[in-house]
């Protein structure tokens, strides 16, 4: 059942992430993704079948990368930063909106278990996708962001990361480091959302964390 509840979260998180990359690139002068039909929220255009299955089963997966031609950018360095961070920012914004919807719904008395089981993964998956992509290892967005600040003297390090980046990522995942990082950050950010929203409804402080625990316990 948790697998089924996670499907809307996966489709939303991956679609908004890739669409944001395509939209940002287009606004920065590169129409490549738009011309290939990738500037859309249609998940079919973005999903990689194997990546989707891995994400649903193992909480680690991927979508089809949005093609970007940085030679079309008006301001290459600045635009590369914008495009790299656009998907991450979009995921955090979506997680915040979903958290607000859940908080308000519970405040209005909506405590349906199915609704909570659907909304919590939308919050958590967008958070984890955002923070995971901040890791500065290729092919993740965090590396594209970091590379914008590296000089030519760092070319040797960049080449090594490009060659062994995927292996490094697998080691981090298998070792449990990414699970520890994402789990702790997700719980902390949900607590931060809780604190923010409870300013307007003090009696509901901690309700999002309770929903989080409920969703992954029952």
N, C-alpha and C. Protein backbone atom coordinates (compact mmCIF):
# COMPACT_ATOMS: atom_id res chain seq x y z
N UNK A 1 0.82 -1.20 0.00
CA UNK A 1 0.00 0.00 0.00
C UNK A 1 0.87 1.26 0.00
N UNK A 2 1.96 1.22 0.76
CA UNK A 2 2.84 2.39 0.79
C UNK A 2 3.42 2.67 -0.59
N UNK A 3 3.62 1.60 -1.36
CA UNK A 3 4.12 1.76 -2.73
C UNK A 3 3.11 2.53 -3.57
N UNK A 4 1.83 2.18 -3.42
CA UNK A 4 0.78 2.87 -4.16
C UNK A 4 0.64 4.31 -3.71
N UNK A 5 0.73 4.53 -2.40
CA UNK A 5 0.61 5.88 -1.86
C UNK A 5 1.74 6.78 -2.36
N UNK A 6 2.89 6.18 -2.68
CA UNK A 6 4.06 6.96 -3.08
C UNK A 6 4.03 7.39 -4.54
N UNK A 7 3.18 6.75 -5.35
CA UNK A 7 3.18 7.04 -6.79
C UNK A 7 2.89 8.52 -7.10
N UNK A 8 1.85 9.14 -6.51
CA UNK A 8 1.64 10.57 -6.80
C UNK A 8 2.85 11.43 -6.43
N UNK A 9 3.50 11.09 -5.31
CA UNK A 9 4.67 11.85 -4.87
C UNK A 9 5.81 11.74 -5.88
N UNK A 10 6.04 10.54 -6.38
CA UNK A 10 7.12 10.32 -7.35
C UNK A 10 6.85 11.09 -8.63
N UNK A 11 5.62 10.98 -9.14
CA UNK A 11 5.28 11.66 -10.40
C UNK A 11 5.40 13.18 -10.26
N UNK A 12 4.93 13.71 -9.14
CA UNK A 12 5.00 15.16 -8.92
C UNK A 12 6.44 15.63 -8.75
N UNK A 13 7.19 14.93 -7.91
CA UNK A 13 8.55 15.36 -7.58
C UNK A 13 9.46 15.35 -8.81
N UNK A 14 9.42 14.27 -9.58
CA UNK A 14 10.29 14.17 -10.75
C UNK A 14 9.86 15.14 -11.84
N UNK A 15 8.55 15.27 -12.04
CA UNK A 15 8.05 16.15 -13.11
C UNK A 15 8.39 17.61 -12.84
N UNK A 16 8.14 18.06 -11.61
CA UNK A 16 8.42 19.47 -11.29
C UNK A 16 9.91 19.74 -11.32
N UNK A 17 10.72 18.76 -10.95
CA UNK A 17 12.18 18.92 -10.95
C UNK A 17 12.70 19.12 -12.37
N UNK A 18 12.30 18.21 -13.28
CA UNK A 18 12.81 18.28 -14.64
C UNK A 18 12.21 19.46 -15.41
N UNK A 19 10.92 19.73 -15.17
CA UNK A 19 10.29 20.89 -15.82
C UNK A 19 11.01 22.18 -15.44
N UNK A 20 11.37 22.30 -14.17
CA UNK A 20 12.04 23.51 -13.69
C UNK A 20 13.39 23.70 -14.37
N UNK A 21 14.12 22.60 -14.57
CA UNK A 21 15.39 22.69 -15.30
C UNK A 21 15.15 23.20 -16.73
N UNK A 22 14.15 22.62 -17.40
CA UNK A 22 13.85 22.98 -18.78
C UNK A 22 13.40 24.44 -18.88
N UNK A 23 12.54 24.85 -17.96
CA UNK A 23 12.02 26.22 -17.97
C UNK A 23 13.13 27.23 -17.70
N UNK A 24 13.98 26.92 -16.71
CA UNK A 24 15.08 27.83 -16.37
C UNK A 24 16.06 27.95 -17.53
N UNK A 25 16.36 26.82 -18.17
CA UNK A 25 17.28 26.85 -19.31
C UNK A 25 16.70 27.69 -20.45
N UNK A 26 15.40 27.54 -20.68
CA UNK A 26 14.73 28.31 -21.75
C UNK A 26 14.80 29.80 -21.46
N UNK A 27 14.54 30.18 -20.21
CA UNK A 27 14.58 31.58 -19.82
C UNK A 27 16.00 32.14 -19.90
N UNK A 28 16.99 31.25 -19.77
CA UNK A 28 18.39 31.69 -19.84
C UNK A 28 18.93 31.69 -21.27
N UNK A 29 18.07 31.32 -22.24
CA UNK A 29 18.48 31.40 -23.65
C UNK A 29 18.67 30.09 -24.36
N UNK A 30 18.48 28.95 -23.65
CA UNK A 30 18.68 27.65 -24.29
C UNK A 30 17.33 26.96 -24.52
N UNK A 31 16.88 26.85 -25.78
CA UNK A 31 15.58 26.25 -26.08
C UNK A 31 15.64 24.74 -26.31
N UNK A 32 16.80 24.12 -26.05
CA UNK A 32 16.98 22.70 -26.37
C UNK A 32 15.90 21.82 -25.75
N UNK A 33 15.70 21.94 -24.45
CA UNK A 33 14.72 21.10 -23.76
C UNK A 33 13.30 21.38 -24.25
N UNK A 34 12.98 22.64 -24.47
CA UNK A 34 11.64 22.99 -24.95
C UNK A 34 11.40 22.40 -26.33
N UNK A 35 12.40 22.48 -27.20
CA UNK A 35 12.26 21.95 -28.56
C UNK A 35 12.09 20.44 -28.57
N UNK A 36 12.58 19.78 -27.54
CA UNK A 36 12.47 18.32 -27.44
C UNK A 36 11.24 17.89 -26.64
N UNK A 37 10.40 18.85 -26.30
CA UNK A 37 9.17 18.53 -25.59
C UNK A 37 9.33 18.26 -24.11
N UNK A 38 10.43 18.72 -23.53
CA UNK A 38 10.70 18.44 -22.11
C UNK A 38 10.25 19.58 -21.19
N UNK A 39 9.83 20.70 -21.75
CA UNK A 39 9.35 21.79 -20.90
C UNK A 39 7.86 21.58 -20.64
N UNK A 40 7.56 20.53 -19.88
CA UNK A 40 6.19 20.14 -19.59
C UNK A 40 6.13 19.45 -18.24
N UNK A 41 4.95 19.46 -17.63
CA UNK A 41 4.74 18.76 -16.36
C UNK A 41 4.23 17.35 -16.59
N UNK A 42 4.11 16.95 -17.85
CA UNK A 42 3.68 15.59 -18.17
C UNK A 42 4.76 14.60 -17.72
N UNK A 43 4.48 13.76 -16.71
CA UNK A 43 5.52 12.85 -16.19
C UNK A 43 6.02 11.85 -17.22
N UNK A 44 5.19 11.51 -18.18
CA UNK A 44 5.59 10.54 -19.20
C UNK A 44 6.83 11.01 -19.95
N UNK A 45 6.94 12.32 -20.13
CA UNK A 45 8.06 12.89 -20.87
C UNK A 45 9.37 12.83 -20.08
N UNK A 46 9.27 12.66 -18.78
CA UNK A 46 10.47 12.76 -17.94
C UNK A 46 10.91 11.43 -17.30
N UNK A 47 9.99 10.46 -17.22
CA UNK A 47 10.30 9.26 -16.45
C UNK A 47 11.23 8.31 -17.18
N UNK A 48 12.16 7.76 -16.43
CA UNK A 48 13.01 6.67 -16.89
C UNK A 48 12.46 5.41 -16.21
N UNK A 49 12.05 4.40 -16.97
CA UNK A 49 11.39 3.23 -16.37
C UNK A 49 12.18 2.58 -15.24
N UNK A 50 13.47 2.35 -15.47
CA UNK A 50 14.29 1.70 -14.45
C UNK A 50 14.45 2.63 -13.24
N UNK A 51 14.70 3.91 -13.52
CA UNK A 51 14.84 4.88 -12.43
C UNK A 51 13.59 4.99 -11.59
N UNK A 52 12.41 4.90 -12.25
CA UNK A 52 11.13 4.97 -11.54
C UNK A 52 10.96 3.77 -10.62
N UNK A 53 11.24 2.58 -11.13
CA UNK A 53 11.11 1.36 -10.33
C UNK A 53 12.05 1.40 -9.12
N UNK A 54 13.28 1.84 -9.35
CA UNK A 54 14.26 1.92 -8.25
C UNK A 54 13.80 2.93 -7.19
N UNK A 55 13.23 4.04 -7.65
CA UNK A 55 12.77 5.07 -6.71
C UNK A 55 11.63 4.55 -5.85
N UNK A 56 10.71 3.81 -6.46
CA UNK A 56 9.58 3.27 -5.73
C UNK A 56 9.99 2.17 -4.75
N UNK A 57 10.92 1.32 -5.19
CA UNK A 57 11.29 0.16 -4.38
C UNK A 57 12.40 0.46 -3.38
N UNK A 58 13.38 1.27 -3.79
CA UNK A 58 14.57 1.45 -2.97
C UNK A 58 14.79 2.89 -2.49
N UNK A 59 13.85 3.79 -2.84
CA UNK A 59 13.97 5.21 -2.46
C UNK A 59 15.19 5.87 -3.09
N UNK A 60 15.68 5.26 -4.16
CA UNK A 60 16.80 5.84 -4.91
C UNK A 60 16.51 5.63 -6.38
N UNK A 61 16.38 6.71 -7.13
CA UNK A 61 16.07 6.56 -8.54
C UNK A 61 16.40 7.82 -9.30
N UNK A 62 15.93 7.89 -10.52
CA UNK A 62 16.28 9.02 -11.37
C UNK A 62 15.25 9.18 -12.49
N UNK A 63 15.23 10.36 -13.08
CA UNK A 63 14.41 10.64 -14.26
C UNK A 63 15.36 10.82 -15.45
N UNK A 64 14.79 10.99 -16.63
CA UNK A 64 15.63 11.28 -17.79
C UNK A 64 16.16 12.70 -17.66
N UNK A 65 17.47 12.89 -17.70
CA UNK A 65 18.03 14.24 -17.55
C UNK A 65 17.54 15.17 -18.65
N UNK A 66 17.25 16.40 -18.28
CA UNK A 66 16.86 17.41 -19.27
C UNK A 66 18.11 17.85 -20.04
N UNK A 67 18.09 17.79 -21.37
CA UNK A 67 19.26 18.22 -22.15
C UNK A 67 19.43 19.73 -22.09
N UNK A 68 20.64 20.16 -21.78
CA UNK A 68 20.93 21.59 -21.68
C UNK A 68 22.20 21.89 -22.48
N UNK A 69 22.15 22.89 -23.31
CA UNK A 69 23.31 23.34 -24.08
C UNK A 69 23.74 24.70 -23.53
N UNK A 70 24.75 24.68 -22.67
CA UNK A 70 25.18 25.91 -22.00
C UNK A 70 25.75 26.94 -22.96
N UNK A 71 26.09 26.54 -24.18
CA UNK A 71 26.62 27.50 -25.15
C UNK A 71 25.55 28.50 -25.59
N UNK A 72 24.28 28.18 -25.31
CA UNK A 72 23.20 29.09 -25.65
C UNK A 72 22.89 30.09 -24.54
N UNK A 73 23.53 29.92 -23.39
CA UNK A 73 23.25 30.81 -22.26
C UNK A 73 23.72 32.23 -22.55
N UNK A 74 22.95 33.19 -22.07
CA UNK A 74 23.32 34.59 -22.24
C UNK A 74 24.48 34.96 -21.30
N UNK A 75 24.44 34.42 -20.09
CA UNK A 75 25.49 34.65 -19.09
C UNK A 75 25.87 33.28 -18.54
N UNK A 76 26.82 32.59 -19.20
CA UNK A 76 27.10 31.17 -18.91
C UNK A 76 27.26 30.81 -17.44
N UNK A 77 28.08 31.52 -16.69
CA UNK A 77 28.33 31.15 -15.30
C UNK A 77 27.08 31.32 -14.45
N UNK A 78 26.47 32.50 -14.52
CA UNK A 78 25.27 32.76 -13.72
C UNK A 78 24.12 31.86 -14.13
N UNK A 79 23.95 31.67 -15.43
CA UNK A 79 22.83 30.86 -15.93
C UNK A 79 22.99 29.39 -15.56
N UNK A 80 24.23 28.92 -15.56
CA UNK A 80 24.48 27.54 -15.17
C UNK A 80 24.07 27.31 -13.71
N UNK A 81 24.34 28.30 -12.86
CA UNK A 81 23.96 28.22 -11.45
C UNK A 81 22.43 28.19 -11.32
N UNK A 82 21.77 29.06 -12.08
CA UNK A 82 20.31 29.14 -12.03
C UNK A 82 19.67 27.83 -12.46
N UNK A 83 20.14 27.30 -13.58
CA UNK A 83 19.57 26.05 -14.11
C UNK A 83 19.87 24.88 -13.16
N UNK A 84 21.06 24.84 -12.61
CA UNK A 84 21.43 23.76 -11.71
C UNK A 84 20.56 23.72 -10.46
N UNK A 85 20.26 24.90 -9.92
CA UNK A 85 19.50 24.97 -8.66
C UNK A 85 18.00 25.00 -8.86
N UNK A 86 17.54 25.22 -10.09
CA UNK A 86 16.10 25.39 -10.33
C UNK A 86 15.28 24.19 -9.90
N UNK A 87 15.73 22.98 -10.25
CA UNK A 87 14.98 21.79 -9.89
C UNK A 87 14.95 21.57 -8.40
N UNK A 88 16.06 21.83 -7.73
CA UNK A 88 16.16 21.66 -6.28
C UNK A 88 15.22 22.63 -5.57
N UNK A 89 15.25 23.90 -5.99
CA UNK A 89 14.39 24.91 -5.39
C UNK A 89 12.92 24.56 -5.60
N UNK A 90 12.59 24.08 -6.81
CA UNK A 90 11.20 23.70 -7.10
C UNK A 90 10.74 22.58 -6.17
N UNK A 91 11.61 21.61 -5.90
CA UNK A 91 11.23 20.51 -5.00
C UNK A 91 10.98 21.01 -3.58
N UNK A 92 11.80 21.91 -3.10
CA UNK A 92 11.60 22.45 -1.75
C UNK A 92 10.32 23.29 -1.68
N UNK A 93 10.04 24.05 -2.74
CA UNK A 93 8.81 24.84 -2.75
C UNK A 93 7.59 23.93 -2.73
N UNK A 94 7.63 22.84 -3.53
CA UNK A 94 6.51 21.91 -3.57
C UNK A 94 6.33 21.22 -2.22
N UNK A 95 7.43 20.89 -1.55
CA UNK A 95 7.33 20.25 -0.23
C UNK A 95 6.69 21.21 0.77
N UNK A 96 7.02 22.49 0.68
CA UNK A 96 6.45 23.48 1.57
C UNK A 96 4.95 23.64 1.32
N UNK A 97 4.56 23.70 0.05
CA UNK A 97 3.14 23.83 -0.29
C UNK A 97 2.35 22.61 0.19
N UNK A 98 2.92 21.42 -0.04
CA UNK A 98 2.24 20.19 0.40
C UNK A 98 2.12 20.15 1.92
N UNK A 99 3.16 20.62 2.62
CA UNK A 99 3.12 20.66 4.08
C UNK A 99 2.04 21.63 4.55
N UNK A 100 1.90 22.77 3.87
CA UNK A 100 0.87 23.75 4.22
C UNK A 100 -0.52 23.17 4.02
N UNK A 101 -0.70 22.46 2.89
CA UNK A 101 -2.00 21.84 2.60
C UNK A 101 -2.35 20.81 3.67
N UNK A 102 -1.39 19.97 4.05
CA UNK A 102 -1.64 18.95 5.06
C UNK A 102 -1.93 19.58 6.42
N UNK A 103 -1.16 20.60 6.77
CA UNK A 103 -1.36 21.28 8.06
C UNK A 103 -2.76 21.90 8.14
N UNK A 104 -3.15 22.59 7.08
CA UNK A 104 -4.47 23.23 7.05
C UNK A 104 -5.58 22.18 7.06
N UNK A 105 -5.39 21.11 6.29
CA UNK A 105 -6.40 20.06 6.22
C UNK A 105 -6.63 19.41 7.58
N UNK A 106 -5.55 19.11 8.29
CA UNK A 106 -5.68 18.52 9.62
C UNK A 106 -6.35 19.51 10.57
N UNK A 107 -5.98 20.79 10.42
CA UNK A 107 -6.59 21.81 11.25
C UNK A 107 -8.09 21.93 11.03
N UNK A 108 -8.54 21.58 9.81
CA UNK A 108 -9.96 21.64 9.48
C UNK A 108 -10.67 20.33 9.82
N UNK A 109 -9.90 19.40 10.38
CA UNK A 109 -10.51 18.14 10.81
C UNK A 109 -10.38 16.99 9.85
N UNK A 110 -9.59 17.16 8.80
CA UNK A 110 -9.39 16.07 7.83
C UNK A 110 -8.29 15.15 8.36
N UNK A 111 -8.66 14.02 8.89
CA UNK A 111 -7.68 13.09 9.46
C UNK A 111 -7.74 11.73 8.78
N UNK A 112 -8.26 11.71 7.55
CA UNK A 112 -8.36 10.47 6.79
C UNK A 112 -6.98 9.88 6.57
N UNK A 113 -6.81 8.61 6.92
CA UNK A 113 -5.50 7.97 6.83
C UNK A 113 -4.95 7.93 5.42
N UNK A 114 -5.79 7.67 4.43
CA UNK A 114 -5.34 7.60 3.04
C UNK A 114 -4.80 8.96 2.59
N UNK A 115 -5.51 10.03 2.95
CA UNK A 115 -5.07 11.38 2.59
C UNK A 115 -3.69 11.67 3.19
N UNK A 116 -3.51 11.33 4.45
CA UNK A 116 -2.22 11.56 5.12
C UNK A 116 -1.13 10.72 4.47
N UNK A 117 -1.44 9.45 4.15
CA UNK A 117 -0.46 8.56 3.53
C UNK A 117 -0.03 9.04 2.14
N UNK A 118 -0.90 9.80 1.47
CA UNK A 118 -0.56 10.35 0.15
C UNK A 118 0.22 11.65 0.28
N UNK A 119 -0.20 12.50 1.22
CA UNK A 119 0.43 13.82 1.36
C UNK A 119 1.83 13.76 1.96
N UNK A 120 2.03 12.91 2.95
CA UNK A 120 3.35 12.83 3.60
C UNK A 120 4.45 12.47 2.61
N UNK A 121 4.28 11.44 1.74
CA UNK A 121 5.33 11.17 0.75
C UNK A 121 5.60 12.32 -0.21
N UNK A 122 4.56 13.11 -0.53
CA UNK A 122 4.79 14.28 -1.39
C UNK A 122 5.74 15.26 -0.70
N UNK A 123 5.54 15.43 0.60
CA UNK A 123 6.42 16.32 1.37
C UNK A 123 7.82 15.74 1.45
N UNK A 124 7.92 14.49 1.89
CA UNK A 124 9.23 13.89 2.17
C UNK A 124 10.04 13.62 0.91
N UNK A 125 9.39 13.14 -0.14
CA UNK A 125 10.14 12.82 -1.36
C UNK A 125 10.70 14.07 -2.01
N UNK A 126 9.93 15.16 -1.98
CA UNK A 126 10.45 16.41 -2.55
C UNK A 126 11.62 16.95 -1.74
N UNK A 127 11.56 16.77 -0.42
CA UNK A 127 12.69 17.19 0.43
C UNK A 127 13.92 16.34 0.12
N UNK A 128 13.73 15.02 0.10
CA UNK A 128 14.88 14.13 -0.11
C UNK A 128 15.46 14.29 -1.51
N UNK A 129 14.59 14.50 -2.51
CA UNK A 129 15.11 14.71 -3.87
C UNK A 129 15.90 16.00 -3.95
N UNK A 130 15.41 17.03 -3.25
CA UNK A 130 16.11 18.30 -3.25
C UNK A 130 17.47 18.21 -2.59
N UNK A 131 17.53 17.62 -1.41
CA UNK A 131 18.80 17.55 -0.68
C UNK A 131 19.76 16.57 -1.33
N UNK A 132 19.24 15.47 -1.89
CA UNK A 132 20.10 14.51 -2.56
C UNK A 132 20.80 15.15 -3.75
N UNK A 133 20.06 15.96 -4.50
CA UNK A 133 20.66 16.60 -5.68
C UNK A 133 21.63 17.71 -5.33
N UNK A 134 21.68 18.10 -4.07
CA UNK A 134 22.67 19.10 -3.63
C UNK A 134 24.05 18.47 -3.41
N UNK A 135 24.11 17.14 -3.32
CA UNK A 135 25.40 16.48 -3.13
C UNK A 135 26.30 16.80 -4.32
N UNK A 136 27.50 17.35 -4.09
CA UNK A 136 28.35 17.82 -5.19
C UNK A 136 29.15 16.72 -5.89
N UNK A 137 28.42 15.74 -6.41
CA UNK A 137 29.04 14.64 -7.13
C UNK A 137 28.28 14.44 -8.44
N UNK A 138 28.98 14.34 -9.58
CA UNK A 138 28.27 14.15 -10.85
C UNK A 138 27.57 12.78 -10.85
N UNK A 139 26.40 12.70 -11.46
CA UNK A 139 25.77 13.69 -12.35
C UNK A 139 24.75 14.58 -11.64
N UNK A 140 24.83 14.72 -10.34
CA UNK A 140 23.84 15.47 -9.57
C UNK A 140 23.98 16.98 -9.79
N UNK A 141 22.88 17.69 -9.53
CA UNK A 141 22.85 19.13 -9.76
C UNK A 141 23.85 19.88 -8.88
N UNK A 142 24.10 19.35 -7.69
CA UNK A 142 25.04 19.99 -6.79
C UNK A 142 26.43 20.12 -7.40
N UNK A 143 26.81 19.14 -8.21
CA UNK A 143 28.12 19.21 -8.87
C UNK A 143 28.13 20.28 -9.95
N UNK A 144 27.02 20.38 -10.70
CA UNK A 144 26.94 21.41 -11.74
C UNK A 144 27.03 22.80 -11.11
N UNK A 145 26.40 22.94 -9.94
CA UNK A 145 26.47 24.22 -9.21
C UNK A 145 27.89 24.48 -8.76
N UNK A 146 28.53 23.48 -8.16
CA UNK A 146 29.89 23.63 -7.66
C UNK A 146 30.88 23.91 -8.79
N UNK A 147 30.71 23.24 -9.92
CA UNK A 147 31.65 23.40 -11.03
C UNK A 147 31.66 24.82 -11.58
N UNK A 148 30.59 25.56 -11.33
CA UNK A 148 30.53 26.96 -11.81
C UNK A 148 31.55 27.83 -11.09
N UNK A 149 32.01 27.38 -9.92
CA UNK A 149 32.95 28.17 -9.13
C UNK A 149 34.38 27.63 -9.19
N UNK A 150 34.56 26.47 -9.82
CA UNK A 150 35.89 25.86 -9.88
C UNK A 150 36.72 26.47 -11.01
N UNK A 151 37.99 26.60 -10.77
CA UNK A 151 38.90 27.13 -11.78
C UNK A 151 39.50 26.00 -12.60
N UNK A 152 40.27 26.37 -13.61
CA UNK A 152 40.89 25.36 -14.46
C UNK A 152 41.88 24.49 -13.69
N UNK A 153 42.40 25.02 -12.58
CA UNK A 153 43.34 24.25 -11.78
C UNK A 153 42.67 23.02 -11.16
N UNK A 154 41.37 23.06 -11.08
CA UNK A 154 40.64 21.94 -10.47
C UNK A 154 40.20 20.91 -11.51
N UNK A 155 40.69 21.05 -12.74
CA UNK A 155 40.26 20.16 -13.82
C UNK A 155 40.56 18.69 -13.52
N UNK A 156 41.69 18.43 -12.85
CA UNK A 156 42.03 17.04 -12.53
C UNK A 156 41.01 16.43 -11.58
N UNK A 157 40.60 17.21 -10.58
CA UNK A 157 39.60 16.74 -9.62
C UNK A 157 38.27 16.52 -10.33
N UNK A 158 37.91 17.44 -11.23
CA UNK A 158 36.65 17.33 -11.97
C UNK A 158 36.64 16.06 -12.82
N UNK A 159 37.76 15.77 -13.48
CA UNK A 159 37.86 14.58 -14.32
C UNK A 159 37.69 13.30 -13.50
N UNK A 160 38.29 13.29 -12.31
CA UNK A 160 38.16 12.12 -11.44
C UNK A 160 36.71 11.92 -11.00
N UNK A 161 36.08 13.03 -10.65
CA UNK A 161 34.68 12.96 -10.22
C UNK A 161 33.77 12.51 -11.35
N UNK A 162 34.03 12.99 -12.55
CA UNK A 162 33.22 12.56 -13.70
C UNK A 162 33.41 11.06 -13.96
N UNK A 163 34.62 10.58 -13.76
CA UNK A 163 34.91 9.19 -14.05
C UNK A 163 34.35 8.25 -12.98
N UNK A 164 34.46 8.66 -11.72
CA UNK A 164 34.08 7.76 -10.63
C UNK A 164 32.88 8.25 -9.81
N UNK A 165 32.20 9.31 -10.31
CA UNK A 165 31.10 9.88 -9.55
C UNK A 165 30.00 8.90 -9.21
N UNK A 166 29.59 8.09 -10.19
CA UNK A 166 28.50 7.15 -9.95
C UNK A 166 28.91 6.10 -8.93
N UNK A 167 30.16 5.66 -8.98
CA UNK A 167 30.65 4.66 -8.03
C UNK A 167 30.67 5.26 -6.62
N UNK A 168 31.11 6.51 -6.51
CA UNK A 168 31.12 7.19 -5.21
C UNK A 168 29.71 7.29 -4.65
N UNK A 169 28.75 7.62 -5.52
CA UNK A 169 27.36 7.71 -5.09
C UNK A 169 26.85 6.37 -4.58
N UNK A 170 27.17 5.30 -5.30
CA UNK A 170 26.73 3.97 -4.88
C UNK A 170 27.31 3.61 -3.51
N UNK A 171 28.57 3.96 -3.29
CA UNK A 171 29.20 3.67 -1.99
C UNK A 171 28.49 4.44 -0.88
N UNK A 172 28.18 5.71 -1.14
CA UNK A 172 27.48 6.52 -0.15
C UNK A 172 26.09 5.96 0.16
N UNK A 173 25.43 5.45 -0.87
CA UNK A 173 24.09 4.89 -0.68
C UNK A 173 24.16 3.56 0.06
N UNK A 174 25.03 2.66 -0.40
CA UNK A 174 25.15 1.34 0.21
C UNK A 174 25.63 1.43 1.65
N UNK A 175 26.51 2.38 1.93
CA UNK A 175 27.04 2.55 3.28
C UNK A 175 26.00 3.08 4.26
N UNK A 176 24.90 3.61 3.71
CA UNK A 176 23.85 4.16 4.56
C UNK A 176 24.02 5.64 4.86
N UNK A 177 25.08 6.25 4.32
CA UNK A 177 25.32 7.67 4.60
C UNK A 177 24.19 8.54 4.06
N UNK A 178 23.79 8.29 2.79
CA UNK A 178 22.73 9.13 2.21
C UNK A 178 21.41 8.92 2.95
N UNK A 179 21.15 7.68 3.36
CA UNK A 179 19.92 7.42 4.11
C UNK A 179 19.90 8.19 5.43
N UNK A 180 21.05 8.19 6.11
CA UNK A 180 21.18 8.93 7.37
C UNK A 180 21.01 10.43 7.13
N UNK A 181 21.68 10.94 6.10
CA UNK A 181 21.63 12.37 5.79
C UNK A 181 20.21 12.80 5.42
N UNK A 182 19.60 12.07 4.49
CA UNK A 182 18.27 12.46 4.02
C UNK A 182 17.22 12.30 5.11
N UNK A 183 17.31 11.22 5.89
CA UNK A 183 16.35 10.99 6.95
C UNK A 183 16.38 12.08 8.00
N UNK A 184 17.58 12.44 8.45
CA UNK A 184 17.72 13.47 9.48
C UNK A 184 17.31 14.85 8.97
N UNK A 185 17.72 15.16 7.75
CA UNK A 185 17.37 16.47 7.20
C UNK A 185 15.87 16.58 6.98
N UNK A 186 15.25 15.50 6.49
CA UNK A 186 13.80 15.51 6.25
C UNK A 186 13.04 15.75 7.54
N UNK A 187 13.42 15.00 8.60
CA UNK A 187 12.71 15.16 9.88
C UNK A 187 12.91 16.57 10.43
N UNK A 188 14.13 17.10 10.28
CA UNK A 188 14.42 18.47 10.76
C UNK A 188 13.59 19.50 10.00
N UNK A 189 13.51 19.37 8.66
CA UNK A 189 12.78 20.36 7.88
C UNK A 189 11.27 20.28 8.13
N UNK A 190 10.76 19.07 8.31
CA UNK A 190 9.34 18.94 8.66
C UNK A 190 9.08 19.61 10.00
N UNK A 191 10.00 19.47 10.93
CA UNK A 191 9.88 20.16 12.22
C UNK A 191 9.92 21.67 12.05
N UNK A 192 10.74 22.13 11.10
CA UNK A 192 10.82 23.57 10.82
C UNK A 192 9.51 24.08 10.23
N UNK A 193 8.94 23.31 9.30
CA UNK A 193 7.62 23.66 8.75
C UNK A 193 6.60 23.72 9.88
N UNK A 194 6.66 22.72 10.76
CA UNK A 194 5.75 22.66 11.91
C UNK A 194 5.82 23.95 12.73
N UNK A 195 7.04 24.35 13.05
CA UNK A 195 7.23 25.54 13.87
C UNK A 195 6.71 26.78 13.17
N UNK A 196 6.94 26.85 11.86
CA UNK A 196 6.48 28.02 11.09
C UNK A 196 4.96 28.10 11.07
N UNK A 197 4.30 27.00 10.71
CA UNK A 197 2.85 27.01 10.59
C UNK A 197 2.17 27.17 11.95
N UNK A 198 2.79 26.64 13.00
CA UNK A 198 2.17 26.69 14.33
C UNK A 198 2.17 28.11 14.91
N UNK A 199 2.93 29.02 14.28
CA UNK A 199 2.86 30.43 14.69
C UNK A 199 1.43 30.94 14.50
N UNK A 200 0.77 30.43 13.46
CA UNK A 200 -0.59 30.85 13.16
C UNK A 200 -1.64 29.97 13.85
N UNK A 201 -1.20 28.79 14.32
CA UNK A 201 -2.11 27.89 15.03
C UNK A 201 -1.32 27.16 16.12
N UNK A 202 -1.02 27.86 17.22
CA UNK A 202 -0.17 27.31 18.28
C UNK A 202 -0.61 25.95 18.81
N UNK A 203 -1.90 25.71 18.81
CA UNK A 203 -2.40 24.44 19.34
C UNK A 203 -2.08 23.24 18.48
N UNK A 204 -1.57 23.47 17.27
CA UNK A 204 -1.27 22.36 16.35
C UNK A 204 0.22 22.11 16.21
N UNK A 205 1.02 22.66 17.08
CA UNK A 205 2.47 22.48 16.99
C UNK A 205 2.82 21.00 17.06
N UNK A 206 3.64 20.55 16.12
CA UNK A 206 4.08 19.16 16.09
C UNK A 206 3.18 18.24 15.29
N UNK A 207 2.12 18.79 14.69
CA UNK A 207 1.15 17.95 14.00
C UNK A 207 1.74 17.32 12.73
N UNK A 208 2.62 18.03 12.03
CA UNK A 208 3.23 17.49 10.82
C UNK A 208 4.18 16.35 11.15
N UNK A 209 4.93 16.49 12.23
CA UNK A 209 5.83 15.41 12.64
C UNK A 209 5.03 14.18 13.07
N UNK A 210 3.89 14.41 13.71
CA UNK A 210 3.03 13.29 14.08
C UNK A 210 2.49 12.59 12.84
N UNK A 211 2.11 13.37 11.82
CA UNK A 211 1.62 12.80 10.57
C UNK A 211 2.72 12.00 9.88
N UNK A 212 3.95 12.52 9.95
CA UNK A 212 5.10 11.84 9.35
C UNK A 212 5.32 10.48 10.01
N UNK A 213 5.32 10.46 11.32
CA UNK A 213 5.51 9.21 12.06
C UNK A 213 4.36 8.24 11.78
N UNK A 214 3.13 8.78 11.77
CA UNK A 214 1.95 7.95 11.48
C UNK A 214 2.06 7.29 10.12
N UNK A 215 2.45 8.10 9.10
CA UNK A 215 2.47 7.59 7.73
C UNK A 215 3.46 6.46 7.55
N UNK A 216 4.59 6.52 8.23
CA UNK A 216 5.62 5.51 8.04
C UNK A 216 5.60 4.42 9.12
N UNK A 217 4.56 4.45 9.97
CA UNK A 217 4.43 3.45 11.03
C UNK A 217 3.23 2.55 10.79
N UNK A 218 2.13 3.16 10.29
CA UNK A 218 0.88 2.42 10.11
C UNK A 218 0.57 2.22 8.63
